[in-house]
Amino acid sequence: MNRYELKGKWYTVNELSEMSGILPHTLRDRIRRGYIIEEAIKPNPIHESVHCFCAASHWEDWVGMTTNEVYTIYWKWCARQMCSPCSQHQFSKQMFQLHPFLHTVPMKGKRYIREKFLDNLM
């Protein structure tokens, strides 16, 4: 198992991932491409906008909405915050990583956001 030094302490990729919020495979790829550890753990500013949006929002409000509606809200939020939004695909991917208890359900040609445990009760 590889360990990497950061500020005098040694960490695994998984520990660095937990600290930075960056997925382990992304960190491994950055290290493989020659990034120094301090640079490898810096989040992409566009991806950081999803984290900030999710932290500033109430995920409960998204339940029952379509993924397109939530992305539109995110896009408008980015415009107000003067930050660059990511693509809808990247937004959905990151949103569901941050909120693993949410998923989508297809209905009438659209994808609606639901809580996973609600589907188990039905």
PDB file of N, CA and C in Angstrom:
ATOM      1  N   MET A   1       0.847  -1.177   0.000  1.00  0.00           N
ATOM      2  CA  MET A   1       0.000   0.000   0.000  1.00  0.00           C
ATOM      3  C   MET A   1       0.892   1.239   0.000  1.00  0.00           C
ATOM      4  N   ASN A   2       0.639   2.142  -0.942  1.00  0.00           N
ATOM      5  CA  ASN A   2       1.428   3.365  -1.044  1.00  0.00           C
ATOM      6  C   ASN A   2       0.965   4.389  -0.019  1.00  0.00           C
ATOM      7  N   ARG A   3       1.932   5.096   0.534  1.00  0.00           N
ATOM      8  CA  ARG A   3       1.634   6.185   1.462  1.00  0.00           C
ATOM      9  C   ARG A   3       2.327   7.439   0.917  1.00  0.00           C
ATOM     10  N   TYR A   4       1.695   8.581   1.187  1.00  0.00           N
ATOM     11  CA  TYR A   4       2.192   9.840   0.651  1.00  0.00           C
ATOM     12  C   TYR A   4       2.323  10.844   1.790  1.00  0.00           C
ATOM     13  N   GLU A   5       3.409  11.617   1.721  1.00  0.00           N
ATOM     14  CA  GLU A   5       3.683  12.581   2.787  1.00  0.00           C
ATOM     15  C   GLU A   5       2.969  13.897   2.510  1.00  0.00           C
ATOM     16  N   LEU A   6       2.343  14.410   3.544  1.00  0.00           N
ATOM     17  CA  LEU A   6       1.693  15.717   3.485  1.00  0.00           C
ATOM     18  C   LEU A   6       1.900  16.399   4.825  1.00  0.00           C
ATOM     19  N   LYS A   7       2.633  17.490   4.820  1.00  0.00           N
ATOM     20  CA  LYS A   7       2.913  18.268   6.028  1.00  0.00           C
ATOM     21  C   LYS A   7       3.501  17.419   7.151  1.00  0.00           C
ATOM     22  N   GLY A   8       4.453  16.567   6.804  1.00  0.00           N
ATOM     23  CA  GLY A   8       5.169  15.777   7.790  1.00  0.00           C
ATOM     24  C   GLY A   8       4.471  14.512   8.257  1.00  0.00           C
ATOM     25  N   LYS A   9       3.276  14.221   7.732  1.00  0.00           N
ATOM     26  CA  LYS A   9       2.564  12.993   8.098  1.00  0.00           C
ATOM     27  C   LYS A   9       2.338  12.166   6.839  1.00  0.00           C
ATOM     28  N   TRP A  10       2.190  10.857   7.025  1.00  0.00           N
ATOM     29  CA  TRP A  10       2.023   9.942   5.904  1.00  0.00           C
ATOM     30  C   TRP A  10       0.584   9.451   5.837  1.00  0.00           C
ATOM     31  N   TYR A  11       0.027   9.464   4.615  1.00  0.00           N
ATOM     32  CA  TYR A  11      -1.380   9.094   4.406  1.00  0.00           C
ATOM     33  C   TYR A  11      -1.516   8.131   3.232  1.00  0.00           C
ATOM     34  N   THR A  12      -2.558   7.306   3.289  1.00  0.00           N
ATOM     35  CA  THR A  12      -2.926   6.470   2.139  1.00  0.00           C
ATOM     36  C   THR A  12      -3.786   7.309   1.207  1.00  0.00           C
ATOM     37  N   VAL A  13      -4.025   6.815   0.005  1.00  0.00           N
ATOM     38  CA  VAL A  13      -4.889   7.519  -0.948  1.00  0.00           C
ATOM     39  C   VAL A  13      -6.292   7.653  -0.372  1.00  0.00           C
ATOM     40  N   ASN A  14      -6.783   6.612   0.287  1.00  0.00           N
ATOM     41  CA  ASN A  14      -8.124   6.679   0.872  1.00  0.00           C
ATOM     42  C   ASN A  14      -8.214   7.741   1.967  1.00  0.00           C
ATOM     43  N   GLU A  15      -7.172   7.872   2.780  1.00  0.00           N
ATOM     44  CA  GLU A  15      -7.165   8.906   3.818  1.00  0.00           C
ATOM     45  C   GLU A  15      -7.121  10.299   3.187  1.00  0.00           C
ATOM     46  N   LEU A  16      -6.309  10.459   2.151  1.00  0.00           N
ATOM     47  CA  LEU A  16      -6.257  11.748   1.451  1.00  0.00           C
ATOM     48  C   LEU A  16      -7.612  12.057   0.802  1.00  0.00           C
ATOM     49  N   SER A  17      -8.272  11.026   0.296  1.00  0.00           N
ATOM     50  CA  SER A  17      -9.581  11.193  -0.322  1.00  0.00           C
ATOM     51  C   SER A  17     -10.599  11.688   0.698  1.00  0.00           C
ATOM     52  N   GLU A  18     -10.598  11.084   1.879  1.00  0.00           N
ATOM     53  CA  GLU A  18     -11.529  11.501   2.927  1.00  0.00           C
ATOM     54  C   GLU A  18     -11.263  12.933   3.363  1.00  0.00           C
ATOM     55  N   MET A  19      -9.991  13.319   3.436  1.00  0.00           N
ATOM     56  CA  MET A  19      -9.632  14.673   3.855  1.00  0.00           C
ATOM     57  C   MET A  19     -10.028  15.711   2.815  1.00  0.00           C
ATOM     58  N   SER A  20      -9.844  15.383   1.547  1.00  0.00           N
ATOM     59  CA  SER A  20     -10.022  16.370   0.484  1.00  0.00           C
ATOM     60  C   SER A  20     -11.390  16.328  -0.179  1.00  0.00           C
ATOM     61  N   GLY A  21     -12.078  15.178  -0.067  1.00  0.00           N
ATOM     62  CA  GLY A  21     -13.358  15.030  -0.757  1.00  0.00           C
ATOM     63  C   GLY A  21     -13.195  14.648  -2.217  1.00  0.00           C
ATOM     64  N   ILE A  22     -11.972  14.336  -2.628  1.00  0.00           N
ATOM     65  CA  ILE A  22     -11.707  13.933  -4.010  1.00  0.00           C
ATOM     66  C   ILE A  22     -11.669  12.414  -4.053  1.00  0.00           C
ATOM     67  N   LEU A  23     -12.297  11.833  -5.049  1.00  0.00           N
ATOM     68  CA  LEU A  23     -12.378  10.382  -5.158  1.00  0.00           C
ATOM     69  C   LEU A  23     -10.990   9.762  -5.261  1.00  0.00           C
ATOM     70  N   PRO A  24     -10.809   8.574  -4.643  1.00  0.00           N
ATOM     71  CA  PRO A  24      -9.483   7.937  -4.662  1.00  0.00           C
ATOM     72  C   PRO A  24      -8.920   7.708  -6.061  1.00  0.00           C
ATOM     73  N   HIS A  25      -9.770   7.291  -7.019  1.00  0.00           N
ATOM     74  CA  HIS A  25      -9.230   7.039  -8.363  1.00  0.00           C
ATOM     75  C   HIS A  25      -8.762   8.337  -9.022  1.00  0.00           C
ATOM     76  N   THR A  26      -9.386   9.457  -8.688  1.00  0.00           N
ATOM     77  CA  THR A  26      -8.951  10.749  -9.217  1.00  0.00           C
ATOM     78  C   THR A  26      -7.587  11.122  -8.625  1.00  0.00           C
ATOM     79  N   LEU A  27      -7.428  10.899  -7.316  1.00  0.00           N
ATOM     80  CA  LEU A  27      -6.139  11.181  -6.677  1.00  0.00           C
ATOM     81  C   LEU A  27      -5.034  10.309  -7.259  1.00  0.00           C
ATOM     82  N   ARG A  28      -5.314   9.015  -7.427  1.00  0.00           N
ATOM     83  CA  ARG A  28      -4.303   8.119  -8.000  1.00  0.00           C
ATOM     84  C   ARG A  28      -3.892   8.584  -9.394  1.00  0.00           C
ATOM     85  N   ASP A  29      -4.884   9.006 -10.183  1.00  0.00           N
ATOM     86  CA  ASP A  29      -4.597   9.475 -11.535  1.00  0.00           C
ATOM     87  C   ASP A  29      -3.737  10.734 -11.497  1.00  0.00           C
ATOM     88  N   ARG A  30      -4.067  11.661 -10.609  1.00  0.00           N
ATOM     89  CA  ARG A  30      -3.277  12.891 -10.512  1.00  0.00           C
ATOM     90  C   ARG A  30      -1.841  12.593 -10.081  1.00  0.00           C
ATOM     91  N   ILE A  31      -1.681  11.684  -9.117  1.00  0.00           N
ATOM     92  CA  ILE A  31      -0.335  11.322  -8.653  1.00  0.00           C
ATOM     93  C   ILE A  31       0.441  10.651  -9.788  1.00  0.00           C
ATOM     94  N   ARG A  32      -0.229   9.767 -10.518  1.00  0.00           N
ATOM     95  CA  ARG A  32       0.400   9.073 -11.645  1.00  0.00           C
ATOM     96  C   ARG A  32       0.859  10.076 -12.708  1.00  0.00           C
ATOM     97  N   ARG A  33       0.101  11.175 -12.876  1.00  0.00           N
ATOM     98  CA  ARG A  33       0.461  12.177 -13.881  1.00  0.00           C
ATOM     99  C   ARG A  33       1.517  13.158 -13.379  1.00  0.00           C
ATOM    100  N   GLY A  34       1.994  12.986 -12.129  1.00  0.00           N
ATOM    101  CA  GLY A  34       3.103  13.793 -11.642  1.00  0.00           C
ATOM    102  C   GLY A  34       2.724  14.957 -10.744  1.00  0.00           C
ATOM    103  N   TYR A  35       1.468  15.058 -10.336  1.00  0.00           N
ATOM    104  CA  TYR A  35       1.082  16.117  -9.410  1.00  0.00           C
ATOM    105  C   TYR A  35       1.790  15.909  -8.078  1.00  0.00           C
ATOM    106  N   ILE A  36       2.195  16.995  -7.436  1.00  0.00           N
ATOM    107  CA  ILE A  36       2.664  16.878  -6.064  1.00  0.00           C
ATOM    108  C   ILE A  36       1.409  16.727  -5.193  1.00  0.00           C
ATOM    109  N   ILE A  37       1.558  16.165  -4.015  1.00  0.00           N
ATOM    110  CA  ILE A  37       0.395  15.832  -3.174  1.00  0.00           C
ATOM    111  C   ILE A  37      -0.447  17.067  -2.859  1.00  0.00           C
ATOM    112  N   GLU A  38       0.189  18.184  -2.564  1.00  0.00           N
ATOM    113  CA  GLU A  38      -0.558  19.409  -2.241  1.00  0.00           C
ATOM    114  C   GLU A  38      -1.461  19.826  -3.400  1.00  0.00           C
ATOM    115  N   GLU A  39      -0.993  19.649  -4.625  1.00  0.00           N
ATOM    116  CA  GLU A  39      -1.801  19.988  -5.801  1.00  0.00           C
ATOM    117  C   GLU A  39      -2.847  18.913  -6.087  1.00  0.00           C
ATOM    118  N   ALA A  40      -2.494  17.654  -5.856  1.00  0.00           N
ATOM    119  CA  ALA A  40      -3.404  16.545  -6.150  1.00  0.00           C
ATOM    120  C   ALA A  40      -4.661  16.600  -5.297  1.00  0.00           C
ATOM    121  N   ILE A  41      -4.559  17.113  -4.072  1.00  0.00           N
ATOM    122  CA  ILE A  41      -5.725  17.128  -3.190  1.00  0.00           C
ATOM    123  C   ILE A  41      -6.564  18.398  -3.319  1.00  0.00           C
ATOM    124  N   LYS A  42      -6.151  19.326  -4.184  1.00  0.00           N
ATOM    125  CA  LYS A  42      -6.956  20.532  -4.399  1.00  0.00           C
ATOM    126  C   LYS A  42      -8.145  20.199  -5.282  1.00  0.00           C
ATOM    127  N   PRO A  43      -9.347  20.589  -4.847  1.00  0.00           N
ATOM    128  CA  PRO A  43     -10.516  20.304  -5.680  1.00  0.00           C
ATOM    129  C   PRO A  43     -10.554  21.193  -6.916  1.00  0.00           C
ATOM    130  N   ASN A  44     -11.117  20.659  -7.970  1.00  0.00           N
ATOM    131  CA  ASN A  44     -11.368  21.425  -9.177  1.00  0.00           C
ATOM    132  C   ASN A  44     -12.391  22.505  -8.831  1.00  0.00           C
ATOM    133  N   PRO A  45     -12.160  23.777  -9.186  1.00  0.00           N
ATOM    134  CA  PRO A  45     -13.105  24.838  -8.821  1.00  0.00           C
ATOM    135  C   PRO A  45     -14.526  24.583  -9.305  1.00  0.00           C
ATOM    136  N   ILE A  46     -14.667  23.958 -10.464  1.00  0.00           N
ATOM    137  CA  ILE A  46     -16.017  23.672 -10.968  1.00  0.00           C
ATOM    138  C   ILE A  46     -16.673  22.605 -10.106  1.00  0.00           C
ATOM    139  N   HIS A  47     -15.929  21.564  -9.730  1.00  0.00           N
ATOM    140  CA  HIS A  47     -16.483  20.527  -8.872  1.00  0.00           C
ATOM    141  C   HIS A  47     -16.781  21.079  -7.485  1.00  0.00           C
ATOM    142  N   GLU A  48     -15.972  22.036  -7.062  1.00  0.00           N
ATOM    143  CA  GLU A  48     -16.185  22.649  -5.759  1.00  0.00           C
ATOM    144  C   GLU A  48     -17.533  23.372  -5.721  1.00  0.00           C
ATOM    145  N   SER A  49     -17.990  23.875  -6.869  1.00  0.00           N
ATOM    146  CA  SER A  49     -19.285  24.565  -6.897  1.00  0.00           C
ATOM    147  C   SER A  49     -20.421  23.619  -6.546  1.00  0.00           C
ATOM    148  N   VAL A  50     -20.312  22.345  -6.929  1.00  0.00           N
ATOM    149  CA  VAL A  50     -21.353  21.371  -6.588  1.00  0.00           C
ATOM    150  C   VAL A  50     -21.358  21.146  -5.082  1.00  0.00           C
ATOM    151  N   HIS A  51     -20.174  21.007  -4.484  1.00  0.00           N
ATOM    152  CA  HIS A  51     -20.086  20.826  -3.038  1.00  0.00           C
ATOM    153  C   HIS A  51     -20.684  22.025  -2.308  1.00  0.00           C
ATOM    154  N   CYS A  52     -20.356  23.229  -2.757  1.00  0.00           N
ATOM    155  CA  CYS A  52     -20.880  24.440  -2.126  1.00  0.00           C
ATOM    156  C   CYS A  52     -22.393  24.529  -2.291  1.00  0.00           C
ATOM    157  N   PHE A  53     -22.891  24.221  -3.473  1.00  0.00           N
ATOM    158  CA  PHE A  53     -24.334  24.242  -3.718  1.00  0.00           C
ATOM    159  C   PHE A  53     -25.045  23.243  -2.807  1.00  0.00           C
ATOM    160  N   CYS A  54     -24.513  22.038  -2.724  1.00  0.00           N
ATOM    161  CA  CYS A  54     -25.146  21.011  -1.886  1.00  0.00           C
ATOM    162  C   CYS A  54     -25.114  21.406  -0.412  1.00  0.00           C
ATOM    163  N   ALA A  55     -24.030  22.044   0.024  1.00  0.00           N
ATOM    164  CA  ALA A  55     -23.927  22.482   1.416  1.00  0.00           C
ATOM    165  C   ALA A  55     -24.907  23.615   1.711  1.00  0.00           C
ATOM    166  N   ALA A  56     -25.175  24.466   0.712  1.00  0.00           N
ATOM    167  CA  ALA A  56     -26.066  25.611   0.903  1.00  0.00           C
ATOM    168  C   ALA A  56     -27.536  25.261   0.686  1.00  0.00           C
ATOM    169  N   SER A  57     -27.812  24.064   0.190  1.00  0.00           N
ATOM    170  CA  SER A  57     -29.182  23.665  -0.142  1.00  0.00           C
ATOM    171  C   SER A  57     -29.700  22.629   0.840  1.00  0.00           C
ATOM    172  N   HIS A  58     -30.984  22.431   0.789  1.00  0.00           N
ATOM    173  CA  HIS A  58     -31.621  21.377   1.579  1.00  0.00           C
ATOM    174  C   HIS A  58     -32.022  20.268   0.618  1.00  0.00           C
ATOM    175  N   TRP A  59     -31.338  19.132   0.707  1.00  0.00           N
ATOM    176  CA  TRP A  59     -31.603  18.036  -0.215  1.00  0.00           C
ATOM    177  C   TRP A  59     -33.048  17.563  -0.120  1.00  0.00           C
ATOM    178  N   GLU A  60     -33.701  17.758   1.018  1.00  0.00           N
ATOM    179  CA  GLU A  60     -35.090  17.334   1.166  1.00  0.00           C
ATOM    180  C   GLU A  60     -35.988  18.037   0.149  1.00  0.00           C
ATOM    181  N   ASP A  61     -35.617  19.256  -0.239  1.00  0.00           N
ATOM    182  CA  ASP A  61     -36.407  20.009  -1.221  1.00  0.00           C
ATOM    183  C   ASP A  61     -36.330  19.385  -2.609  1.00  0.00           C
ATOM    184  N   TRP A  62     -35.294  18.610  -2.877  1.00  0.00           N
ATOM    185  CA  TRP A  62     -35.120  18.025  -4.208  1.00  0.00           C
ATOM    186  C   TRP A  62     -35.978  16.789  -4.415  1.00  0.00           C
ATOM    187  N   VAL A  63     -36.392  16.134  -3.338  1.00  0.00           N
ATOM    188  CA  VAL A  63     -37.176  14.901  -3.452  1.00  0.00           C
ATOM    189  C   VAL A  63     -38.491  15.225  -4.168  1.00  0.00           C
ATOM    190  N   GLY A  64     -38.760  14.490  -5.232  1.00  0.00           N
ATOM    191  CA  GLY A  64     -39.960  14.714  -6.037  1.00  0.00           C
ATOM    192  C   GLY A  64     -39.727  15.617  -7.239  1.00  0.00           C
ATOM    193  N   MET A  65     -38.551  16.272  -7.291  1.00  0.00           N
ATOM    194  CA  MET A  65     -38.224  17.124  -8.430  1.00  0.00           C
ATOM    195  C   MET A  65     -37.508  16.288  -9.489  1.00  0.00           C
ATOM    196  N   THR A  66     -37.499  16.784 -10.720  1.00  0.00           N
ATOM    197  CA  THR A  66     -36.738  16.100 -11.762  1.00  0.00           C
ATOM    198  C   THR A  66     -35.274  16.518 -11.654  1.00  0.00           C
ATOM    199  N   THR A  67     -34.397  15.717 -12.220  1.00  0.00           N
ATOM    200  CA  THR A  67     -32.975  16.062 -12.217  1.00  0.00           C
ATOM    201  C   THR A  67     -32.740  17.355 -13.011  1.00  0.00           C
ATOM    202  N   ASN A  68     -33.534  17.575 -14.047  1.00  0.00           N
ATOM    203  CA  ASN A  68     -33.413  18.815 -14.832  1.00  0.00           C
ATOM    204  C   ASN A  68     -33.764  20.034 -13.986  1.00  0.00           C
ATOM    205  N   GLU A  69     -34.793  19.916 -13.157  1.00  0.00           N
ATOM    206  CA  GLU A  69     -35.191  21.041 -12.305  1.00  0.00           C
ATOM    207  C   GLU A  69     -34.102  21.377 -11.291  1.00  0.00           C
ATOM    208  N   VAL A  70     -33.518  20.360 -10.676  1.00  0.00           N
ATOM    209  CA  VAL A  70     -32.462  20.600  -9.689  1.00  0.00           C
ATOM    210  C   VAL A  70     -31.228  21.183 -10.369  1.00  0.00           C
ATOM    211  N   TYR A  71     -30.905  20.707 -11.572  1.00  0.00           N
ATOM    212  CA  TYR A  71     -29.758  21.265 -12.293  1.00  0.00           C
ATOM    213  C   TYR A  71     -29.996  22.729 -12.638  1.00  0.00           C
ATOM    214  N   THR A  72     -31.211  23.075 -13.015  1.00  0.00           N
ATOM    215  CA  THR A  72     -31.545  24.479 -13.318  1.00  0.00           C
ATOM    216  C   THR A  72     -31.349  25.353 -12.087  1.00  0.00           C
ATOM    217  N   ILE A  73     -31.777  24.868 -10.933  1.00  0.00           N
ATOM    218  CA  ILE A  73     -31.571  25.607  -9.680  1.00  0.00           C
ATOM    219  C   ILE A  73     -30.082  25.780  -9.413  1.00  0.00           C
ATOM    220  N   TYR A  74     -29.320  24.714  -9.603  1.00  0.00           N
ATOM    221  CA  TYR A  74     -27.863  24.773  -9.420  1.00  0.00           C
ATOM    222  C   TYR A  74     -27.240  25.794 -10.384  1.00  0.00           C
ATOM    223  N   TRP A  75     -27.661  25.756 -11.653  1.00  0.00           N
ATOM    224  CA  TRP A  75     -27.108  26.654 -12.665  1.00  0.00           C
ATOM    225  C   TRP A  75     -27.375  28.111 -12.287  1.00  0.00           C
ATOM    226  N   LYS A  76     -28.596  28.407 -11.827  1.00  0.00           N
ATOM    227  CA  LYS A  76     -28.933  29.775 -11.398  1.00  0.00           C
ATOM    228  C   LYS A  76     -28.137  30.167 -10.156  1.00  0.00           C
ATOM    229  N   TRP A  77     -27.940  29.220  -9.249  1.00  0.00           N
ATOM    230  CA  TRP A  77     -27.154  29.476  -8.051  1.00  0.00           C
ATOM    231  C   TRP A  77     -25.723  29.845  -8.437  1.00  0.00           C
ATOM    232  N   CYS A  78     -25.150  29.105  -9.389  1.00  0.00           N
ATOM    233  CA  CYS A  78     -23.793  29.409  -9.864  1.00  0.00           C
ATOM    234  C   CYS A  78     -23.719  30.807 -10.465  1.00  0.00           C
ATOM    235  N   ALA A  79     -24.744  31.194 -11.211  1.00  0.00           N
ATOM    236  CA  ALA A  79     -24.762  32.540 -11.811  1.00  0.00           C
ATOM    237  C   ALA A  79     -24.779  33.614 -10.722  1.00  0.00           C
ATOM    238  N   ARG A  80     -25.567  33.388  -9.672  1.00  0.00           N
ATOM    239  CA  ARG A  80     -25.613  34.367  -8.568  1.00  0.00           C
ATOM    240  C   ARG A  80     -24.290  34.404  -7.800  1.00  0.00           C
ATOM    241  N   GLN A  81     -23.636  33.250  -7.675  1.00  0.00           N
ATOM    242  CA  GLN A  81     -22.366  33.164  -6.947  1.00  0.00           C
ATOM    243  C   GLN A  81     -21.170  33.534  -7.823  1.00  0.00           C
ATOM    244  N   MET A  82     -21.423  33.763  -9.107  1.00  0.00           N
ATOM    245  CA  MET A  82     -20.390  34.071 -10.085  1.00  0.00           C
ATOM    246  C   MET A  82     -19.317  32.983 -10.141  1.00  0.00           C
ATOM    247  N   CYS A  83     -19.780  31.727 -10.214  1.00  0.00           N
ATOM    248  CA  CYS A  83     -18.862  30.609 -10.393  1.00  0.00           C
ATOM    249  C   CYS A  83     -19.325  29.799 -11.600  1.00  0.00           C
ATOM    250  N   SER A  84     -18.448  29.005 -12.140  1.00  0.00           N
ATOM    251  CA  SER A  84     -18.760  28.240 -13.345  1.00  0.00           C
ATOM    252  C   SER A  84     -19.480  26.941 -12.999  1.00  0.00           C
ATOM    253  N   PRO A  85     -20.630  26.699 -13.609  1.00  0.00           N
ATOM    254  CA  PRO A  85     -21.309  25.415 -13.371  1.00  0.00           C
ATOM    255  C   PRO A  85     -20.663  24.311 -14.181  1.00  0.00           C
ATOM    256  N   CYS A  86     -20.774  23.093 -13.688  1.00  0.00           N
ATOM    257  CA  CYS A  86     -20.292  21.942 -14.450  1.00  0.00           C
ATOM    258  C   CYS A  86     -21.440  21.422 -15.311  1.00  0.00           C
ATOM    259  N   SER A  87     -21.177  20.411 -16.101  1.00  0.00           N
ATOM    260  CA  SER A  87     -22.216  19.841 -16.966  1.00  0.00           C
ATOM    261  C   SER A  87     -23.279  19.156 -16.104  1.00  0.00           C
ATOM    262  N   GLN A  88     -24.448  18.940 -16.692  1.00  0.00           N
ATOM    263  CA  GLN A  88     -25.529  18.298 -15.953  1.00  0.00           C
ATOM    264  C   GLN A  88     -25.134  16.880 -15.538  1.00  0.00           C
ATOM    265  N   HIS A  89     -24.424  16.177 -16.406  1.00  0.00           N
ATOM    266  CA  HIS A  89     -23.981  14.822 -16.075  1.00  0.00           C
ATOM    267  C   HIS A  89     -23.043  14.841 -14.869  1.00  0.00           C
ATOM    268  N   GLN A  90     -22.045  15.731 -14.886  1.00  0.00           N
ATOM    269  CA  GLN A  90     -21.109  15.825 -13.769  1.00  0.00           C
ATOM    270  C   GLN A  90     -21.815  16.263 -12.493  1.00  0.00           C
ATOM    271  N   PHE A  91     -22.757  17.195 -12.627  1.00  0.00           N
ATOM    272  CA  PHE A  91     -23.513  17.649 -11.459  1.00  0.00           C
ATOM    273  C   PHE A  91     -24.263  16.486 -10.822  1.00  0.00           C
ATOM    274  N   SER A  92     -24.994  15.724 -11.632  1.00  0.00           N
ATOM    275  CA  SER A  92     -25.770  14.592 -11.094  1.00  0.00           C
ATOM    276  C   SER A  92     -24.848  13.568 -10.449  1.00  0.00           C
ATOM    277  N   LYS A  93     -23.749  13.261 -11.104  1.00  0.00           N
ATOM    278  CA  LYS A  93     -22.804  12.279 -10.585  1.00  0.00           C
ATOM    279  C   LYS A  93     -22.288  12.701  -9.213  1.00  0.00           C
ATOM    280  N   GLN A  94     -21.878  13.952  -9.095  1.00  0.00           N
ATOM    281  CA  GLN A  94     -21.332  14.437  -7.826  1.00  0.00           C
ATOM    282  C   GLN A  94     -22.414  14.575  -6.764  1.00  0.00           C
ATOM    283  N   MET A  95     -23.602  15.035  -7.170  1.00  0.00           N
ATOM    284  CA  MET A  95     -24.690  15.208  -6.210  1.00  0.00           C
ATOM    285  C   MET A  95     -25.051  13.871  -5.563  1.00  0.00           C
ATOM    286  N   PHE A  96     -25.121  12.806  -6.374  1.00  0.00           N
ATOM    287  CA  PHE A  96     -25.476  11.502  -5.832  1.00  0.00           C
ATOM    288  C   PHE A  96     -24.319  10.871  -5.047  1.00  0.00           C
ATOM    289  N   GLN A  97     -23.086  11.288  -5.312  1.00  0.00           N
ATOM    290  CA  GLN A  97     -21.970  10.845  -4.482  1.00  0.00           C
ATOM    291  C   GLN A  97     -22.023  11.519  -3.120  1.00  0.00           C
ATOM    292  N   LEU A  98     -22.394  12.796  -3.101  1.00  0.00           N
ATOM    293  CA  LEU A  98     -22.499  13.524  -1.847  1.00  0.00           C
ATOM    294  C   LEU A  98     -23.723  13.094  -1.038  1.00  0.00           C
ATOM    295  N   HIS A  99     -24.757  12.658  -1.724  1.00  0.00           N
ATOM    296  CA  HIS A  99     -26.005  12.235  -1.074  1.00  0.00           C
ATOM    297  C   HIS A  99     -26.358  10.820  -1.544  1.00  0.00           C
ATOM    298  N   PRO A 100     -25.655   9.813  -1.022  1.00  0.00           N
ATOM    299  CA  PRO A 100     -25.858   8.446  -1.512  1.00  0.00           C
ATOM    300  C   PRO A 100     -27.232   7.858  -1.184  1.00  0.00           C
ATOM    301  N   PHE A 101     -27.983   8.507  -0.344  1.00  0.00           N
ATOM    302  CA  PHE A 101     -29.320   8.038   0.015  1.00  0.00           C
ATOM    303  C   PHE A 101     -30.379   8.512  -0.977  1.00  0.00           C
ATOM    304  N   LEU A 102     -29.963   9.274  -1.992  1.00  0.00           N
ATOM    305  CA  LEU A 102     -30.861   9.717  -3.048  1.00  0.00           C
ATOM    306  C   LEU A 102     -30.590   8.914  -4.319  1.00  0.00           C
ATOM    307  N   HIS A 103     -31.612   8.764  -5.138  1.00  0.00           N
ATOM    308  CA  HIS A 103     -31.455   8.141  -6.450  1.00  0.00           C
ATOM    309  C   HIS A 103     -32.568   8.649  -7.350  1.00  0.00           C
ATOM    310  N   THR A 104     -32.541   8.245  -8.614  1.00  0.00           N
ATOM    311  CA  THR A 104     -33.566   8.701  -9.536  1.00  0.00           C
ATOM    312  C   THR A 104     -34.471   7.552  -9.942  1.00  0.00           C
ATOM    313  N   VAL A 105     -35.691   7.929 -10.273  1.00  0.00           N
ATOM    314  CA  VAL A 105     -36.694   6.968 -10.728  1.00  0.00           C
ATOM    315  C   VAL A 105     -37.274   7.507 -12.031  1.00  0.00           C
ATOM    316  N   PRO A 106     -37.261   6.697 -13.102  1.00  0.00           N
ATOM    317  CA  PRO A 106     -37.850   7.172 -14.360  1.00  0.00           C
ATOM    318  C   PRO A 106     -39.385   7.167 -14.262  1.00  0.00           C
ATOM    319  N   MET A 107     -39.987   8.254 -14.766  1.00  0.00           N
ATOM    320  CA  MET A 107     -41.430   8.354 -14.764  1.00  0.00           C
ATOM    321  C   MET A 107     -41.858   9.343 -15.854  1.00  0.00           C
ATOM    322  N   LYS A 108     -42.665   8.888 -16.784  1.00  0.00           N
ATOM    323  CA  LYS A 108     -43.188   9.733 -17.866  1.00  0.00           C
ATOM    324  C   LYS A 108     -42.073  10.445 -18.632  1.00  0.00           C
ATOM    325  N   GLY A 109     -41.010   9.727 -18.932  1.00  0.00           N
ATOM    326  CA  GLY A 109     -39.925  10.276 -19.738  1.00  0.00           C
ATOM    327  C   GLY A 109     -38.962  11.188 -19.004  1.00  0.00           C
ATOM    328  N   LYS A 110     -39.135  11.347 -17.698  1.00  0.00           N
ATOM    329  CA  LYS A 110     -38.237  12.197 -16.904  1.00  0.00           C
ATOM    330  C   LYS A 110     -37.670  11.371 -15.767  1.00  0.00           C
ATOM    331  N   ARG A 111     -36.626  11.890 -15.132  1.00  0.00           N
ATOM    332  CA  ARG A 111     -36.020  11.202 -13.987  1.00  0.00           C
ATOM    333  C   ARG A 111     -36.295  12.031 -12.736  1.00  0.00           C
ATOM    334  N   TYR A 112     -37.001  11.433 -11.793  1.00  0.00           N
ATOM    335  CA  TYR A 112     -37.369  12.095 -10.551  1.00  0.00           C
ATOM    336  C   TYR A 112     -36.459  11.635  -9.422  1.00  0.00           C
ATOM    337  N   ILE A 113     -36.139  12.565  -8.527  1.00  0.00           N
ATOM    338  CA  ILE A 113     -35.273  12.262  -7.396  1.00  0.00           C
ATOM    339  C   ILE A 113     -36.126  11.703  -6.262  1.00  0.00           C
ATOM    340  N   ARG A 114     -35.640  10.610  -5.695  1.00  0.00           N
ATOM    341  CA  ARG A 114     -36.329   9.954  -4.578  1.00  0.00           C
ATOM    342  C   ARG A 114     -35.311   9.591  -3.508  1.00  0.00           C
ATOM    343  N   GLU A 115     -35.809   9.353  -2.293  1.00  0.00           N
ATOM    344  CA  GLU A 115     -34.973   8.813  -1.228  1.00  0.00           C
ATOM    345  C   GLU A 115     -34.989   7.300  -1.355  1.00  0.00           C
ATOM    346  N   LYS A 116     -33.835   6.670  -1.168  1.00  0.00           N
ATOM    347  CA  LYS A 116     -33.747   5.222  -1.323  1.00  0.00           C
ATOM    348  C   LYS A 116     -34.599   4.479  -0.307  1.00  0.00           C
ATOM    349  N   PHE A 117     -34.617   4.935   0.933  1.00  0.00           N
ATOM    350  CA  PHE A 117     -35.351   4.169   1.946  1.00  0.00           C
ATOM    351  C   PHE A 117     -36.853   4.254   1.747  1.00  0.00           C
ATOM    352  N   LEU A 118     -37.361   5.300   1.082  1.00  0.00           N
ATOM    353  CA  LEU A 118     -38.800   5.384   0.806  1.00  0.00           C
ATOM    354  C   LEU A 118     -39.235   4.294  -0.149  1.00  0.00           C
ATOM    355  N   ASP A 119     -38.383   3.974  -1.122  1.00  0.00           N
ATOM    356  CA  ASP A 119     -38.720   2.930  -2.080  1.00  0.00           C
ATOM    357  C   ASP A 119     -38.785   1.558  -1.399  1.00  0.00           C
ATOM    358  N   ASN A 120     -37.994   1.384  -0.336  1.00  0.00           N
ATOM    359  CA  ASN A 120     -38.009   0.103   0.370  1.00  0.00           C
ATOM    360  C   ASN A 120     -39.269  -0.066   1.207  1.00  0.00           C
ATOM    361  N   LEU A 121     -39.893   1.041   1.583  1.00  0.00           N
ATOM    362  CA  LEU A 121     -41.113   0.967   2.406  1.00  0.00           C
ATOM    363  C   LEU A 121     -42.334   0.625   1.571  1.00  0.00           C
ATOM    364  N   MET A 122     -42.281   0.885   0.267  1.00  0.00           N
ATOM    365  CA  MET A 122     -43.442   0.672  -0.587  1.00  0.00           C
ATOM    366  C   MET A 122     -43.512  -0.730  -1.111  1.00  0.00           C
TER     367      MET A 122
END
